[in-house]
Amino acid sequence: MSISWGRTQRFKFTSGGALLVWRAPEMPAVYSITYKQDARNKPKSHTVFYFGESADLSKEEHSIGQILANWKSSGGIIDDLFVFIYPMPGSSQYDRSLVQRSLVNDYLPRANGY
């Protein structure tokens, strides 16, 4: 499964599945943490909770732990979170940050401070 985000430029993310069981690969990427606002009526519709970037996703455990704590403190259930990945092999932090900032500005996800 894949999903595209971005209003001015589209970025195709691949599904990593449920966040609770996801094993982050060793790769540079932009990633999104999502949830379904209306799983019953719109089972394929995801709402972005957070956009992040990393030189190595496998080392994002601490950041993702903070996102989970934020989700739980707002009454969310961890089973409801999903992860999507936009791989960026050979990218610099600057390249990934540009994509991340563009998406944050487009969607204003709660865990990114909006």
C-alpha atoms as a PDB file:
ATOM      1  CA  MET A   1       0.000   0.000   0.000  1.00  0.00           C
ATOM      2  CA  SER A   2       1.176   3.507  -0.723  1.00  0.00           C
ATOM      3  CA  ILE A   3      -0.115   7.000  -0.156  1.00  0.00           C
ATOM      4  CA  SER A   4       0.908  10.368  -1.570  1.00  0.00           C
ATOM      5  CA  TRP A   5       1.128  13.590   0.395  1.00  0.00           C
ATOM      6  CA  GLY A   6       1.919  17.150  -0.559  1.00  0.00           C
ATOM      7  CA  ARG A   7      -0.063  20.003  -1.985  1.00  0.00           C
ATOM      8  CA  THR A   8       2.525  21.731  -4.177  1.00  0.00           C
ATOM      9  CA  GLN A   9       4.724  18.686  -4.743  1.00  0.00           C
ATOM     10  CA  ARG A  10       3.513  15.105  -4.262  1.00  0.00           C
ATOM     11  CA  PHE A  11       5.621  12.541  -2.379  1.00  0.00           C
ATOM     12  CA  LYS A  12       4.755   8.838  -2.585  1.00  0.00           C
ATOM     13  CA  PHE A  13       5.115   7.072   0.777  1.00  0.00           C
ATOM     14  CA  THR A  14       5.064   3.299   1.202  1.00  0.00           C
ATOM     15  CA  SER A  15       3.309   1.647   4.093  1.00  0.00           C
ATOM     16  CA  GLY A  16       5.361   0.333   6.979  1.00  0.00           C
ATOM     17  CA  GLY A  17       2.199  -0.999   8.615  1.00  0.00           C
ATOM     18  CA  ALA A  18       1.089  -0.662  12.214  1.00  0.00           C
ATOM     19  CA  LEU A  19       3.573   1.391  14.247  1.00  0.00           C
ATOM     20  CA  LEU A  20       3.378  -0.991  17.191  1.00  0.00           C
ATOM     21  CA  VAL A  21       4.976  -3.856  15.211  1.00  0.00           C
ATOM     22  CA  TRP A  22       7.031  -1.854  12.682  1.00  0.00           C
ATOM     23  CA  ARG A  23      10.742  -2.584  12.421  1.00  0.00           C
ATOM     24  CA  ALA A  24      12.469   0.492  11.062  1.00  0.00           C
ATOM     25  CA  PRO A  25      14.873  -0.192   8.203  1.00  0.00           C
ATOM     26  CA  GLU A  26      18.384   1.268   8.039  1.00  0.00           C
ATOM     27  CA  MET A  27      17.851   4.000   5.469  1.00  0.00           C
ATOM     28  CA  PRO A  28      17.565   7.753   5.125  1.00  0.00           C
ATOM     29  CA  ALA A  29      13.948   8.797   4.745  1.00  0.00           C
ATOM     30  CA  VAL A  30      11.093  11.081   5.628  1.00  0.00           C
ATOM     31  CA  TYR A  31       8.411   9.254   7.582  1.00  0.00           C
ATOM     32  CA  SER A  32       4.884   9.896   8.726  1.00  0.00           C
ATOM     33  CA  ILE A  33       2.930   8.628  11.694  1.00  0.00           C
ATOM     34  CA  THR A  34      -0.789   8.460  10.889  1.00  0.00           C
ATOM     35  CA  TYR A  35      -4.140   7.409  12.304  1.00  0.00           C
ATOM     36  CA  LYS A  36      -7.608   6.843  10.915  1.00  0.00           C
ATOM     37  CA  GLN A  37     -10.157   9.422  12.064  1.00  0.00           C
ATOM     38  CA  ASP A  38     -13.085   7.350  10.796  1.00  0.00           C
ATOM     39  CA  ALA A  39     -11.902   3.766  10.341  1.00  0.00           C
ATOM     40  CA  ARG A  40     -15.411   2.400   9.932  1.00  0.00           C
ATOM     41  CA  ASN A  41     -16.624   4.713   7.152  1.00  0.00           C
ATOM     42  CA  LYS A  42     -13.258   5.616   5.580  1.00  0.00           C
ATOM     43  CA  PRO A  43     -10.967   2.631   6.206  1.00  0.00           C
ATOM     44  CA  LYS A  44      -8.285   3.777   3.737  1.00  0.00           C
ATOM     45  CA  SER A  45      -8.174   7.412   4.843  1.00  0.00           C
ATOM     46  CA  HIS A  46      -5.193   8.363   7.019  1.00  0.00           C
ATOM     47  CA  THR A  47      -4.654  11.594   8.946  1.00  0.00           C
ATOM     48  CA  VAL A  48      -1.059  12.631   9.586  1.00  0.00           C
ATOM     49  CA  PHE A  49      -0.109  12.958  13.235  1.00  0.00           C
ATOM     50  CA  TYR A  50       3.626  13.575  12.642  1.00  0.00           C
ATOM     51  CA  PHE A  51       6.191  14.027   9.851  1.00  0.00           C
ATOM     52  CA  GLY A  52       9.820  13.237  10.687  1.00  0.00           C
ATOM     53  CA  GLU A  53      13.103  12.765   8.883  1.00  0.00           C
ATOM     54  CA  SER A  54      16.129  10.653   9.614  1.00  0.00           C
ATOM     55  CA  ALA A  55      19.500   9.669   8.179  1.00  0.00           C
ATOM     56  CA  ASP A  56      18.832   6.180   9.588  1.00  0.00           C
ATOM     57  CA  LEU A  57      15.260   5.210  10.472  1.00  0.00           C
ATOM     58  CA  SER A  58      16.475   2.306  12.602  1.00  0.00           C
ATOM     59  CA  LYS A  59      17.857   4.869  15.077  1.00  0.00           C
ATOM     60  CA  GLU A  60      14.601   6.790  15.541  1.00  0.00           C
ATOM     61  CA  GLU A  61      13.385   4.792  18.534  1.00  0.00           C
ATOM     62  CA  HIS A  62      13.728   7.744  20.944  1.00  0.00           C
ATOM     63  CA  SER A  63      11.892  10.195  18.660  1.00  0.00           C
ATOM     64  CA  ILE A  64       9.114   7.712  17.988  1.00  0.00           C
ATOM     65  CA  GLY A  65       8.849   7.015  21.724  1.00  0.00           C
ATOM     66  CA  GLN A  66       8.189  10.734  22.294  1.00  0.00           C
ATOM     67  CA  ILE A  67       5.541  10.723  19.561  1.00  0.00           C
ATOM     68  CA  LEU A  68       3.855   7.724  21.193  1.00  0.00           C
ATOM     69  CA  ALA A  69       3.868   9.469  24.575  1.00  0.00           C
ATOM     70  CA  ASN A  70       2.276  12.540  22.970  1.00  0.00           C
ATOM     71  CA  TRP A  71      -0.374  10.334  21.322  1.00  0.00           C
ATOM     72  CA  LYS A  72      -1.168   8.495  24.567  1.00  0.00           C
ATOM     73  CA  SER A  73      -1.344  11.713  26.592  1.00  0.00           C
ATOM     74  CA  SER A  74      -3.994  13.019  24.188  1.00  0.00           C
ATOM     75  CA  GLY A  75      -6.096   9.892  24.767  1.00  0.00           C
ATOM     76  CA  GLY A  76      -4.966   7.920  21.732  1.00  0.00           C
ATOM     77  CA  ILE A  77      -4.557   4.154  21.545  1.00  0.00           C
ATOM     78  CA  ILE A  78      -1.169   2.991  20.231  1.00  0.00           C
ATOM     79  CA  ASP A  79      -2.807   0.273  18.119  1.00  0.00           C
ATOM     80  CA  ASP A  80      -4.373   3.055  16.027  1.00  0.00           C
ATOM     81  CA  LEU A  81      -1.057   4.419  14.702  1.00  0.00           C
ATOM     82  CA  PHE A  82       0.517   3.570  11.346  1.00  0.00           C
ATOM     83  CA  VAL A  83       3.814   4.472   9.701  1.00  0.00           C
ATOM     84  CA  PHE A  84       4.571   5.411   6.099  1.00  0.00           C
ATOM     85  CA  ILE A  85       8.037   5.939   4.609  1.00  0.00           C
ATOM     86  CA  TYR A  86       9.393   8.126   1.817  1.00  0.00           C
ATOM     87  CA  PRO A  87      12.858   6.621   1.163  1.00  0.00           C
ATOM     88  CA  MET A  88      15.548   9.135   0.208  1.00  0.00           C
ATOM     89  CA  PRO A  89      18.736   7.151  -0.492  1.00  0.00           C
ATOM     90  CA  GLY A  90      21.825   9.327  -0.804  1.00  0.00           C
ATOM     91  CA  SER A  91      20.006  12.363   0.596  1.00  0.00           C
ATOM     92  CA  SER A  92      21.459  14.946   2.937  1.00  0.00           C
ATOM     93  CA  GLN A  93      19.754  16.166   6.101  1.00  0.00           C
ATOM     94  CA  TYR A  94      19.036  19.383   4.221  1.00  0.00           C
ATOM     95  CA  ASP A  95      17.244  17.451   1.427  1.00  0.00           C
ATOM     96  CA  ARG A  96      15.119  15.504   3.917  1.00  0.00           C
ATOM     97  CA  SER A  97      14.362  18.602   5.987  1.00  0.00           C
ATOM     98  CA  LEU A  98      13.072  20.426   2.904  1.00  0.00           C
ATOM     99  CA  VAL A  99      10.600  17.619   2.216  1.00  0.00           C
ATOM    100  CA  GLN A 100       9.602  17.358   5.880  1.00  0.00           C
ATOM    101  CA  ARG A 101       9.068  21.120   6.277  1.00  0.00           C
ATOM    102  CA  SER A 102       7.050  21.273   3.064  1.00  0.00           C
ATOM    103  CA  LEU A 103       4.743  18.507   4.293  1.00  0.00           C
ATOM    104  CA  VAL A 104       4.449  19.970   7.802  1.00  0.00           C
ATOM    105  CA  ASN A 105       3.484  23.333   6.282  1.00  0.00           C
ATOM    106  CA  ASP A 106       0.909  21.642   4.021  1.00  0.00           C
ATOM    107  CA  TYR A 107      -0.777  19.518   6.723  1.00  0.00           C
ATOM    108  CA  LEU A 108       0.068  21.089  10.118  1.00  0.00           C
ATOM    109  CA  PRO A 109       0.185  17.741  12.009  1.00  0.00           C
ATOM    110  CA  ARG A 110      -0.519  17.916  15.733  1.00  0.00           C
ATOM    111  CA  ALA A 111       2.700  16.265  16.915  1.00  0.00           C
ATOM    112  CA  ASN A 112       4.814  18.693  14.871  1.00  0.00           C
ATOM    113  CA  GLY A 113       3.527  21.502  17.075  1.00  0.00           C
ATOM    114  CA  TYR A 114       0.259  22.475  15.373  1.00  0.00           C
END
